[in-house]
Structure formats: C-alpha cells, structure tokens
C-alpha cells in the first residue's frame, strides 16, 4: 500500500477554504442578530452552531470542487495544469 503525502501547499489551501467558510458562517450569524434584533452576546454563545454551519459550507464547497473537476476531466480539460507547472512534484 502506498503512503499518501499531503503537502504543505495542500494543507494551506484547504485551511484557506475553511477560513472562508467560517467567515461566511460568522457573517450569517451577525446578519441574523441584526435582522432579528437579538442580543449581541449571541455572537459567542452560538459559536458552536457557527462551527457546525462552517463545516456544512466547507463540505458544500468540497462537493462543488469535485463536481467541477469531474466535469472538466470529462471535457478533457486539465484544471491542475497551472498548479503542476508551478510545482513540478505534483
């Protein structure tokens, strides 16, 4: 069985995607506080829900990315060409 190595580049990329997902979830929480005129302490009391929502958003982004890659491969396009040229070890 081959060992799989996850590069630092891939880890940083996924961390950026999750950070964006968390920011979107947090902004949705702020928006709900403003719209429903609730107390601002809900920004930290609902942090667990924000983490859960950010995971759901991240997983949706993963599904979208996989679908885009599969469609591109079906059409014969190489989406990773630019990344492979910048990082020859990929």
PDB file of N, CA and C in Angstrom:
ATOM      1  N   UNK A   1       0.846  -1.178   0.000  1.00  0.00           N
ATOM      2  CA  UNK A   1       0.000   0.000   0.000  1.00  0.00           C
ATOM      3  C   UNK A   1       0.893   1.243   0.000  1.00  0.00           C
ATOM      4  N   UNK A   2       0.559   2.200  -0.822  1.00  0.00           N
ATOM      5  CA  UNK A   2       1.365   3.419  -0.921  1.00  0.00           C
ATOM      6  C   UNK A   2       1.024   4.375   0.195  1.00  0.00           C
ATOM      7  N   UNK A   3       2.057   5.059   0.678  1.00  0.00           N
ATOM      8  CA  UNK A   3       1.837   6.122   1.644  1.00  0.00           C
ATOM      9  C   UNK A   3       1.412   7.381   0.902  1.00  0.00           C
ATOM     10  N   UNK A   4       0.453   8.065   1.439  1.00  0.00           N
ATOM     11  CA  UNK A   4      -0.015   9.310   0.839  1.00  0.00           C
ATOM     12  C   UNK A   4       0.592  10.468   1.600  1.00  0.00           C
ATOM     13  N   UNK A   5       1.169  11.392   0.859  1.00  0.00           N
ATOM     14  CA  UNK A   5       1.779  12.565   1.475  1.00  0.00           C
ATOM     15  C   UNK A   5       0.926  13.778   1.135  1.00  0.00           C
ATOM     16  N   UNK A   6       0.505  14.485   2.169  1.00  0.00           N
ATOM     17  CA  UNK A   6      -0.255  15.712   1.975  1.00  0.00           C
ATOM     18  C   UNK A   6       0.735  16.865   2.101  1.00  0.00           C
ATOM     19  N   UNK A   7       0.882  17.614   1.032  1.00  0.00           N
ATOM     20  CA  UNK A   7       1.874  18.684   1.017  1.00  0.00           C
ATOM     21  C   UNK A   7       1.423  19.865   1.863  1.00  0.00           C
ATOM     22  N   UNK A   8       2.390  20.684   2.230  1.00  0.00           N
ATOM     23  CA  UNK A   8       2.079  21.906   2.987  1.00  0.00           C
ATOM     24  C   UNK A   8       1.206  22.830   2.145  1.00  0.00           C
ATOM     25  N   UNK A   9       1.448  22.844   0.841  1.00  0.00           N
ATOM     26  CA  UNK A   9       0.644  23.657  -0.069  1.00  0.00           C
ATOM     27  C   UNK A   9      -0.832  23.253   0.004  1.00  0.00           C
ATOM     28  N   UNK A  10      -1.102  21.949  -0.014  1.00  0.00           N
ATOM     29  CA  UNK A  10      -2.487  21.468   0.038  1.00  0.00           C
ATOM     30  C   UNK A  10      -3.130  21.791   1.385  1.00  0.00           C
ATOM     31  N   UNK A  11      -2.360  21.646   2.456  1.00  0.00           N
ATOM     32  CA  UNK A  11      -2.890  21.969   3.789  1.00  0.00           C
ATOM     33  C   UNK A  11      -3.258  23.440   3.887  1.00  0.00           C
ATOM     34  N   UNK A  12      -2.386  24.314   3.383  1.00  0.00           N
ATOM     35  CA  UNK A  12      -2.664  25.751   3.425  1.00  0.00           C
ATOM     36  C   UNK A  12      -3.874  26.110   2.581  1.00  0.00           C
ATOM     37  N   UNK A  13      -3.990  25.482   1.422  1.00  0.00           N
ATOM     38  CA  UNK A  13      -5.126  25.746   0.536  1.00  0.00           C
ATOM     39  C   UNK A  13      -6.437  25.360   1.213  1.00  0.00           C
ATOM     40  N   UNK A  14      -6.480  24.179   1.825  1.00  0.00           N
ATOM     41  CA  UNK A  14      -7.702  23.731   2.492  1.00  0.00           C
ATOM     42  C   UNK A  14      -8.010  24.582   3.716  1.00  0.00           C
ATOM     43  N   UNK A  15      -6.981  25.027   4.418  1.00  0.00           N
ATOM     44  CA  UNK A  15      -7.194  25.908   5.562  1.00  0.00           C
ATOM     45  C   UNK A  15      -7.806  27.236   5.118  1.00  0.00           C
ATOM     46  N   UNK A  16      -7.372  27.738   3.972  1.00  0.00           N
ATOM     47  CA  UNK A  16      -7.956  28.973   3.430  1.00  0.00           C
ATOM     48  C   UNK A  16      -9.429  28.766   3.074  1.00  0.00           C
ATOM     49  N   UNK A  17      -9.746  27.622   2.469  1.00  0.00           N
ATOM     50  CA  UNK A  17     -11.141  27.332   2.145  1.00  0.00           C
ATOM     51  C   UNK A  17     -11.986  27.265   3.411  1.00  0.00           C
ATOM     52  N   UNK A  18     -11.445  26.623   4.468  1.00  0.00           N
ATOM     53  CA  UNK A  18     -12.215  26.540   5.707  1.00  0.00           C
ATOM     54  C   UNK A  18     -12.349  27.911   6.358  1.00  0.00           C
ATOM     55  N   UNK A  19     -11.298  28.739   6.296  1.00  0.00           N
ATOM     56  CA  UNK A  19     -11.376  30.086   6.879  1.00  0.00           C
ATOM     57  C   UNK A  19     -12.467  30.906   6.186  1.00  0.00           C
ATOM     58  N   UNK A  20     -12.567  30.774   4.882  1.00  0.00           N
ATOM     59  CA  UNK A  20     -13.621  31.473   4.145  1.00  0.00           C
ATOM     60  C   UNK A  20     -14.993  30.934   4.567  1.00  0.00           C
ATOM     61  N   UNK A  21     -15.092  29.624   4.730  1.00  0.00           N
ATOM     62  CA  UNK A  21     -16.359  29.028   5.168  1.00  0.00           C
ATOM     63  C   UNK A  21     -16.752  29.532   6.554  1.00  0.00           C
ATOM     64  N   UNK A  22     -15.775  29.620   7.466  1.00  0.00           N
ATOM     65  CA  UNK A  22     -16.066  30.109   8.812  1.00  0.00           C
ATOM     66  C   UNK A  22     -16.475  31.579   8.766  1.00  0.00           C
ATOM     67  N   UNK A  23     -15.797  32.372   7.948  1.00  0.00           N
ATOM     68  CA  UNK A  23     -16.138  33.795   7.835  1.00  0.00           C
ATOM     69  C   UNK A  23     -17.565  33.972   7.312  1.00  0.00           C
ATOM     70  N   UNK A  24     -17.953  33.168   6.335  1.00  0.00           N
ATOM     71  CA  UNK A  24     -19.313  33.248   5.807  1.00  0.00           C
ATOM     72  C   UNK A  24     -20.321  32.892   6.897  1.00  0.00           C
ATOM     73  N   UNK A  25     -20.050  31.822   7.645  1.00  0.00           N
ATOM     74  CA  UNK A  25     -20.966  31.411   8.713  1.00  0.00           C
ATOM     75  C   UNK A  25     -21.050  32.479   9.799  1.00  0.00           C
ATOM     76  N   UNK A  26     -19.926  33.077  10.156  1.00  0.00           N
ATOM     77  CA  UNK A  26     -19.925  34.113  11.186  1.00  0.00           C
ATOM     78  C   UNK A  26     -20.696  35.346  10.713  1.00  0.00           C
ATOM     79  N   UNK A  27     -20.501  35.727   9.454  1.00  0.00           N
ATOM     80  CA  UNK A  27     -21.241  36.871   8.913  1.00  0.00           C
ATOM     81  C   UNK A  27     -22.742  36.592   8.857  1.00  0.00           C
ATOM     82  N   UNK A  28     -23.111  35.353   8.576  1.00  0.00           N
ATOM     83  CA  UNK A  28     -24.535  34.995   8.611  1.00  0.00           C
ATOM     84  C   UNK A  28     -25.087  35.124  10.029  1.00  0.00           C
ATOM     85  N   UNK A  29     -24.269  34.797  11.030  1.00  0.00           N
ATOM     86  CA  UNK A  29     -24.686  34.947  12.420  1.00  0.00           C
ATOM     87  C   UNK A  29     -24.862  36.425  12.763  1.00  0.00           C
ATOM     88  N   UNK A  30     -23.938  37.263  12.328  1.00  0.00           N
ATOM     89  CA  UNK A  30     -24.059  38.710  12.563  1.00  0.00           C
ATOM     90  C   UNK A  30     -25.316  39.235  11.886  1.00  0.00           C
ATOM     91  N   UNK A  31     -25.544  38.800  10.657  1.00  0.00           N
ATOM     92  CA  UNK A  31     -26.723  39.233   9.912  1.00  0.00           C
ATOM     93  C   UNK A  31     -28.014  38.827  10.629  1.00  0.00           C
ATOM     94  N   UNK A  32     -28.027  37.624  11.186  1.00  0.00           N
ATOM     95  CA  UNK A  32     -29.235  37.189  11.898  1.00  0.00           C
ATOM     96  C   UNK A  32     -29.460  38.001  13.170  1.00  0.00           C
ATOM     97  N   UNK A  33     -28.382  38.402  13.851  1.00  0.00           N
ATOM     98  CA  UNK A  33     -28.522  39.241  15.044  1.00  0.00           C
ATOM     99  C   UNK A  33     -29.117  40.590  14.657  1.00  0.00           C
ATOM    100  N   UNK A  34     -28.658  41.140  13.551  1.00  0.00           N
ATOM    101  CA  UNK A  34     -29.154  42.439  13.107  1.00  0.00           C
ATOM    102  C   UNK A  34     -30.607  42.338  12.640  1.00  0.00           C
ATOM    103  N   UNK A  35     -30.915  41.336  11.850  1.00  0.00           N
ATOM    104  CA  UNK A  35     -32.262  41.213  11.294  1.00  0.00           C
ATOM    105  C   UNK A  35     -33.301  40.956  12.383  1.00  0.00           C
ATOM    106  N   UNK A  36     -32.982  40.057  13.321  1.00  0.00           N
ATOM    107  CA  UNK A  36     -33.958  39.670  14.332  1.00  0.00           C
ATOM    108  C   UNK A  36     -33.843  40.474  15.628  1.00  0.00           C
ATOM    109  N   UNK A  37     -32.980  41.472  15.633  1.00  0.00           N
ATOM    110  CA  UNK A  37     -32.827  42.382  16.781  1.00  0.00           C
ATOM    111  C   UNK A  37     -32.608  41.625  18.098  1.00  0.00           C
ATOM    112  N   UNK A  38     -31.718  40.650  18.067  1.00  0.00           N
ATOM    113  CA  UNK A  38     -31.407  39.899  19.277  1.00  0.00           C
ATOM    114  C   UNK A  38     -30.168  40.481  19.939  1.00  0.00           C
ATOM    115  N   UNK A  39     -29.776  39.896  21.041  1.00  0.00           N
ATOM    116  CA  UNK A  39     -28.622  40.413  21.786  1.00  0.00           C
ATOM    117  C   UNK A  39     -27.319  40.029  21.081  1.00  0.00           C
ATOM    118  N   UNK A  40     -26.328  40.894  21.206  1.00  0.00           N
ATOM    119  CA  UNK A  40     -25.045  40.684  20.549  1.00  0.00           C
ATOM    120  C   UNK A  40     -24.246  39.557  21.197  1.00  0.00           C
ATOM    121  N   UNK A  41     -24.636  39.143  22.396  1.00  0.00           N
ATOM    122  CA  UNK A  41     -23.914  38.046  23.027  1.00  0.00           C
ATOM    123  C   UNK A  41     -24.120  36.727  22.271  1.00  0.00           C
ATOM    124  N   UNK A  42     -25.088  36.698  21.380  1.00  0.00           N
ATOM    125  CA  UNK A  42     -25.295  35.502  20.569  1.00  0.00           C
ATOM    126  C   UNK A  42     -24.136  35.246  19.616  1.00  0.00           C
ATOM    127  N   UNK A  43     -23.295  36.245  19.394  1.00  0.00           N
ATOM    128  CA  UNK A  43     -22.137  36.029  18.529  1.00  0.00           C
ATOM    129  C   UNK A  43     -21.183  35.007  19.137  1.00  0.00           C
ATOM    130  N   UNK A  44     -21.070  34.967  20.457  1.00  0.00           N
ATOM    131  CA  UNK A  44     -20.197  33.967  21.072  1.00  0.00           C
ATOM    132  C   UNK A  44     -20.972  32.815  21.709  1.00  0.00           C
ATOM    133  N   UNK A  45     -22.225  33.035  22.076  1.00  0.00           N
ATOM    134  CA  UNK A  45     -22.994  31.928  22.650  1.00  0.00           C
ATOM    135  C   UNK A  45     -23.407  30.922  21.577  1.00  0.00           C
ATOM    136  N   UNK A  46     -23.502  31.348  20.342  1.00  0.00           N
ATOM    137  CA  UNK A  46     -23.865  30.467  19.233  1.00  0.00           C
ATOM    138  C   UNK A  46     -22.656  30.041  18.414  1.00  0.00           C
ATOM    139  N   UNK A  47     -21.475  30.141  18.993  1.00  0.00           N
ATOM    140  CA  UNK A  47     -20.249  29.818  18.259  1.00  0.00           C
ATOM    141  C   UNK A  47     -20.212  28.345  17.828  1.00  0.00           C
ATOM    142  N   UNK A  48     -20.756  27.457  18.646  1.00  0.00           N
ATOM    143  CA  UNK A  48     -20.818  26.044  18.257  1.00  0.00           C
ATOM    144  C   UNK A  48     -21.638  25.846  16.999  1.00  0.00           C
ATOM    145  N   UNK A  49     -22.746  26.541  16.916  1.00  0.00           N
ATOM    146  CA  UNK A  49     -23.590  26.466  15.726  1.00  0.00           C
ATOM    147  C   UNK A  49     -22.870  27.055  14.512  1.00  0.00           C
ATOM    148  N   UNK A  50     -22.104  28.113  14.752  1.00  0.00           N
ATOM    149  CA  UNK A  50     -21.330  28.722  13.664  1.00  0.00           C
ATOM    150  C   UNK A  50     -20.286  27.734  13.142  1.00  0.00           C
ATOM    151  N   UNK A  51     -19.620  27.000  14.055  1.00  0.00           N
ATOM    152  CA  UNK A  51     -18.650  25.984  13.622  1.00  0.00           C
ATOM    153  C   UNK A  51     -19.333  24.897  12.804  1.00  0.00           C
ATOM    154  N   UNK A  52     -20.504  24.450  13.257  1.00  0.00           N
ATOM    155  CA  UNK A  52     -21.232  23.427  12.509  1.00  0.00           C
ATOM    156  C   UNK A  52     -21.629  23.931  11.125  1.00  0.00           C
ATOM    157  N   UNK A  53     -22.121  25.156  11.070  1.00  0.00           N
ATOM    158  CA  UNK A  53     -22.511  25.735   9.787  1.00  0.00           C
ATOM    159  C   UNK A  53     -21.300  25.899   8.870  1.00  0.00           C
ATOM    160  N   UNK A  54     -20.162  26.279   9.450  1.00  0.00           N
ATOM    161  CA  UNK A  54     -18.958  26.435   8.633  1.00  0.00           C
ATOM    162  C   UNK A  54     -18.512  25.086   8.069  1.00  0.00           C
ATOM    163  N   UNK A  55     -18.680  24.015   8.818  1.00  0.00           N
ATOM    164  CA  UNK A  55     -18.355  22.685   8.296  1.00  0.00           C
ATOM    165  C   UNK A  55     -19.282  22.302   7.152  1.00  0.00           C
ATOM    166  N   UNK A  56     -20.564  22.621   7.286  1.00  0.00           N
ATOM    167  CA  UNK A  56     -21.516  22.333   6.211  1.00  0.00           C
ATOM    168  C   UNK A  56     -21.146  23.126   4.956  1.00  0.00           C
ATOM    169  N   UNK A  57     -20.815  24.393   5.127  1.00  0.00           N
ATOM    170  CA  UNK A  57     -20.421  25.228   3.980  1.00  0.00           C
ATOM    171  C   UNK A  57     -19.149  24.681   3.342  1.00  0.00           C
ATOM    172  N   UNK A  58     -18.182  24.269   4.173  1.00  0.00           N
ATOM    173  CA  UNK A  58     -16.924  23.710   3.666  1.00  0.00           C
ATOM    174  C   UNK A  58     -17.200  22.432   2.871  1.00  0.00           C
ATOM    175  N   UNK A  59     -18.056  21.562   3.398  1.00  0.00           N
ATOM    176  CA  UNK A  59     -18.369  20.329   2.685  1.00  0.00           C
ATOM    177  C   UNK A  59     -19.097  20.604   1.368  1.00  0.00           C
ATOM    178  N   UNK A  60     -19.954  21.623   1.353  1.00  0.00           N
ATOM    179  CA  UNK A  60     -20.594  22.007   0.090  1.00  0.00           C
ATOM    180  C   UNK A  60     -19.570  22.501  -0.920  1.00  0.00           C
ATOM    181  N   UNK A  61     -18.582  23.262  -0.435  1.00  0.00           N
ATOM    182  CA  UNK A  61     -17.506  23.716  -1.326  1.00  0.00           C
ATOM    183  C   UNK A  61     -16.702  22.537  -1.873  1.00  0.00           C
ATOM    184  N   UNK A  62     -16.462  21.532  -1.030  1.00  0.00           N
ATOM    185  CA  UNK A  62     -15.736  20.344  -1.480  1.00  0.00           C
ATOM    186  C   UNK A  62     -16.523  19.631  -2.571  1.00  0.00           C
ATOM    187  N   UNK A  63     -17.820  19.470  -2.373  1.00  0.00           N
ATOM    188  CA  UNK A  63     -18.660  18.802  -3.376  1.00  0.00           C
ATOM    189  C   UNK A  63     -18.642  19.583  -4.688  1.00  0.00           C
ATOM    190  N   UNK A  64     -18.765  20.895  -4.607  1.00  0.00           N
ATOM    191  CA  UNK A  64     -18.739  21.733  -5.816  1.00  0.00           C
ATOM    192  C   UNK A  64     -17.402  21.601  -6.526  1.00  0.00           C
ATOM    193  N   UNK A  65     -16.307  21.624  -5.759  1.00  0.00           N
ATOM    194  CA  UNK A  65     -14.974  21.499  -6.365  1.00  0.00           C
ATOM    195  C   UNK A  65     -14.798  20.145  -7.045  1.00  0.00           C
ATOM    196  N   UNK A  66     -15.279  19.078  -6.418  1.00  0.00           N
ATOM    197  CA  UNK A  66     -15.160  17.742  -7.008  1.00  0.00           C
ATOM    198  C   UNK A  66     -15.984  17.658  -8.298  1.00  0.00           C
ATOM    199  N   UNK A  67     -17.189  18.199  -8.279  1.00  0.00           N
ATOM    200  CA  UNK A  67     -18.030  18.181  -9.480  1.00  0.00           C
ATOM    201  C   UNK A  67     -17.363  18.955 -10.617  1.00  0.00           C
ATOM    202  N   UNK A  68     -16.804  20.116 -10.311  1.00  0.00           N
ATOM    203  CA  UNK A  68     -16.128  20.912 -11.341  1.00  0.00           C
ATOM    204  C   UNK A  68     -14.944  20.142 -11.921  1.00  0.00           C
ATOM    205  N   UNK A  69     -14.170  19.486 -11.074  1.00  0.00           N
ATOM    206  CA  UNK A  69     -13.015  18.719 -11.555  1.00  0.00           C
ATOM    207  C   UNK A  69     -13.474  17.546 -12.422  1.00  0.00           C
ATOM    208  N   UNK A  70     -14.525  16.849 -12.003  1.00  0.00           N
ATOM    209  CA  UNK A  70     -15.023  15.719 -12.791  1.00  0.00           C
ATOM    210  C   UNK A  70     -15.576  16.164 -14.147  1.00  0.00           C
ATOM    211  N   UNK A  71     -16.295  17.266 -14.161  1.00  0.00           N
ATOM    212  CA  UNK A  71     -16.815  17.787 -15.435  1.00  0.00           C
ATOM    213  C   UNK A  71     -15.661  18.218 -16.337  1.00  0.00           C
ATOM    214  N   UNK A  72     -14.661  18.864 -15.770  1.00  0.00           N
ATOM    215  CA  UNK A  72     -13.506  19.293 -16.564  1.00  0.00           C
ATOM    216  C   UNK A  72     -12.762  18.092 -17.139  1.00  0.00           C
ATOM    217  N   UNK A  73     -12.618  17.034 -16.342  1.00  0.00           N
ATOM    218  CA  UNK A  73     -11.947  15.832 -16.854  1.00  0.00           C
ATOM    219  C   UNK A  73     -12.778  15.173 -17.947  1.00  0.00           C
ATOM    220  N   UNK A  74     -14.101  15.193 -17.793  1.00  0.00           N
ATOM    221  CA  UNK A  74     -14.969  14.612 -18.815  1.00  0.00           C
ATOM    222  C   UNK A  74     -14.865  15.391 -20.122  1.00  0.00           C
ATOM    223  N   UNK A  75     -14.636  16.690 -20.014  1.00  0.00           N
ATOM    224  CA  UNK A  75     -14.487  17.525 -21.215  1.00  0.00           C
ATOM    225  C   UNK A  75     -13.059  17.533 -21.737  1.00  0.00           C
ATOM    226  N   UNK A  76     -12.164  16.872 -21.036  1.00  0.00           N
ATOM    227  CA  UNK A  76     -10.775  16.771 -21.480  1.00  0.00           C
ATOM    228  C   UNK A  76      -9.923  17.968 -21.123  1.00  0.00           C
ATOM    229  N   UNK A  77     -10.326  18.748 -20.158  1.00  0.00           N
ATOM    230  CA  UNK A  77      -9.550  19.912 -19.748  1.00  0.00           C
ATOM    231  C   UNK A  77      -8.781  19.577 -18.484  1.00  0.00           C
ATOM    232  N   UNK A  78      -7.573  20.155 -18.369  1.00  0.00           N
ATOM    233  CA  UNK A  78      -6.738  19.915 -17.202  1.00  0.00           C
ATOM    234  C   UNK A  78      -6.736  21.165 -16.339  1.00  0.00           C
ATOM    235  N   UNK A  79      -7.526  21.146 -15.260  1.00  0.00           N
ATOM    236  CA  UNK A  79      -7.601  22.294 -14.357  1.00  0.00           C
ATOM    237  C   UNK A  79      -6.345  22.437 -13.511  1.00  0.00           C
ATOM    238  N   UNK A  80      -5.608  21.351 -13.353  1.00  0.00           N
ATOM    239  CA  UNK A  80      -4.427  21.364 -12.491  1.00  0.00           C
ATOM    240  C   UNK A  80      -3.154  21.685 -13.258  1.00  0.00           C
ATOM    241  N   UNK A  81      -3.254  22.012 -14.529  1.00  0.00           N
ATOM    242  CA  UNK A  81      -2.075  22.265 -15.348  1.00  0.00           C
ATOM    243  C   UNK A  81      -1.249  23.420 -14.782  1.00  0.00           C
ATOM    244  N   UNK A  82      -1.903  24.484 -14.397  1.00  0.00           N
ATOM    245  CA  UNK A  82      -1.199  25.648 -13.857  1.00  0.00           C
ATOM    246  C   UNK A  82      -0.483  25.287 -12.553  1.00  0.00           C
ATOM    247  N   UNK A  83      -1.143  24.540 -11.700  1.00  0.00           N
ATOM    248  CA  UNK A  83      -0.529  24.127 -10.437  1.00  0.00           C
ATOM    249  C   UNK A  83       0.639  23.180 -10.676  1.00  0.00           C
ATOM    250  N   UNK A  84       0.520  22.295 -11.651  1.00  0.00           N
ATOM    251  CA  UNK A  84       1.602  21.356 -11.955  1.00  0.00           C
ATOM    252  C   UNK A  84       2.814  22.066 -12.541  1.00  0.00           C
ATOM    253  N   UNK A  85       2.575  23.126 -13.319  1.00  0.00           N
ATOM    254  CA  UNK A  85       3.700  23.879 -13.869  1.00  0.00           C
ATOM    255  C   UNK A  85       4.429  24.649 -12.766  1.00  0.00           C
ATOM    256  N   UNK A  86       3.687  25.163 -11.808  1.00  0.00           N
ATOM    257  CA  UNK A  86       4.297  25.915 -10.714  1.00  0.00           C
ATOM    258  C   UNK A  86       4.990  24.977  -9.729  1.00  0.00           C
ATOM    259  N   UNK A  87       4.462  23.769  -9.575  1.00  0.00           N
ATOM    260  CA  UNK A  87       5.004  22.792  -8.626  1.00  0.00           C
ATOM    261  C   UNK A  87       5.218  21.471  -9.376  1.00  0.00           C
ATOM    262  N   UNK A  88       6.402  21.266  -9.926  1.00  0.00           N
ATOM    263  CA  UNK A  88       6.634  20.090 -10.771  1.00  0.00           C
ATOM    264  C   UNK A  88       6.492  18.754 -10.039  1.00  0.00           C
ATOM    265  N   UNK A  89       6.575  18.730  -8.702  1.00  0.00           N
ATOM    266  CA  UNK A  89       6.482  17.452  -7.996  1.00  0.00           C
ATOM    267  C   UNK A  89       5.051  16.938  -7.900  1.00  0.00           C
ATOM    268  N   UNK A  90       4.045  17.728  -8.320  1.00  0.00           N
ATOM    269  CA  UNK A  90       2.654  17.276  -8.244  1.00  0.00           C
ATOM    270  C   UNK A  90       2.360  16.239  -9.292  1.00  0.00           C
TER     271      UNK A  90
END
